[in-house]
Amino acid sequence: MQLLASPPFRWLVVGAVTLGFAATPFYAFATPFLIRTHGYSASEAGLAFGVLQGISGVAGTLLGGRGFDRVARHKSSAMLAAPAILFIIAAVTTTMALFVPVGWLCIVLLLPAMFAFAFTLPYAFGSAHLVAGRGREAMASSLGMIGSSLVGPAIGPLLVGVISDAASAAHVANGLGLGLLVVPVATVLTATAYLIANRRIHDWFQASVVPEHRRG
């Protein structure tokens, strides 16, 4: 639990929690949204979403790993800037996807979110391991996974369902799309948490450099 006393690590955990609120409803409801709103069959929606998720997942994870290795090697002051920017872009495109009337365009606009979720994984685990230090990497991974898989997956889909049902009961069109606005809101919160964590990690780097200079 000493890790949670570290400001950089606490903000990484906050980012993991908000990421769970974004990713779980996105993957749980994106295919039903395509079926209900744009008239795709289950096989069409599953194929389109699954293939694109596979491609963006592989590309995002590899590029994210390469990117994090680079910023970690140089102890960049913008270590988490790339995933934060991607999440802001994904928030905009996902919001647009929920209201465009064309099915194929909706799928295209969902791609940045798919890519951002995959791209962020190496940054999330890599930065957690970096802050935790040698010998505590496994605990850092455990706490990060608890943050992302406990609260968000339990409450995120419930929020989407409650909002969607309330909209349908009020005879508001596109109730599921309104419920899925939870996703872009959560991605913006994740970007904010990462930007704050980014600053805390930079301060932590600076604080660790000063003692080294004094010893020298």
Foldseek 3Di string as FASTA:
>chain_A
DVQCVQVLLVLLLVLLQLLLLQPQCCVVCVLVLLCVQVVDDSVRSCVLLVVLLVVLLVVLQVVLLVLLVVCVVVVNLCNLVVLLVLLLQLLVLQLVLLPDNHSVSSSVSNNSVSNSSNNCVNSSLVVLDVSLDPPCSVVSVVSSCCSNPPNNNVCNNVQLVVQLVVCVVVVHPSSSSVSSNSNSVSSNSSSVSSVSSSNSSSVVVVVVVVVVVVVD
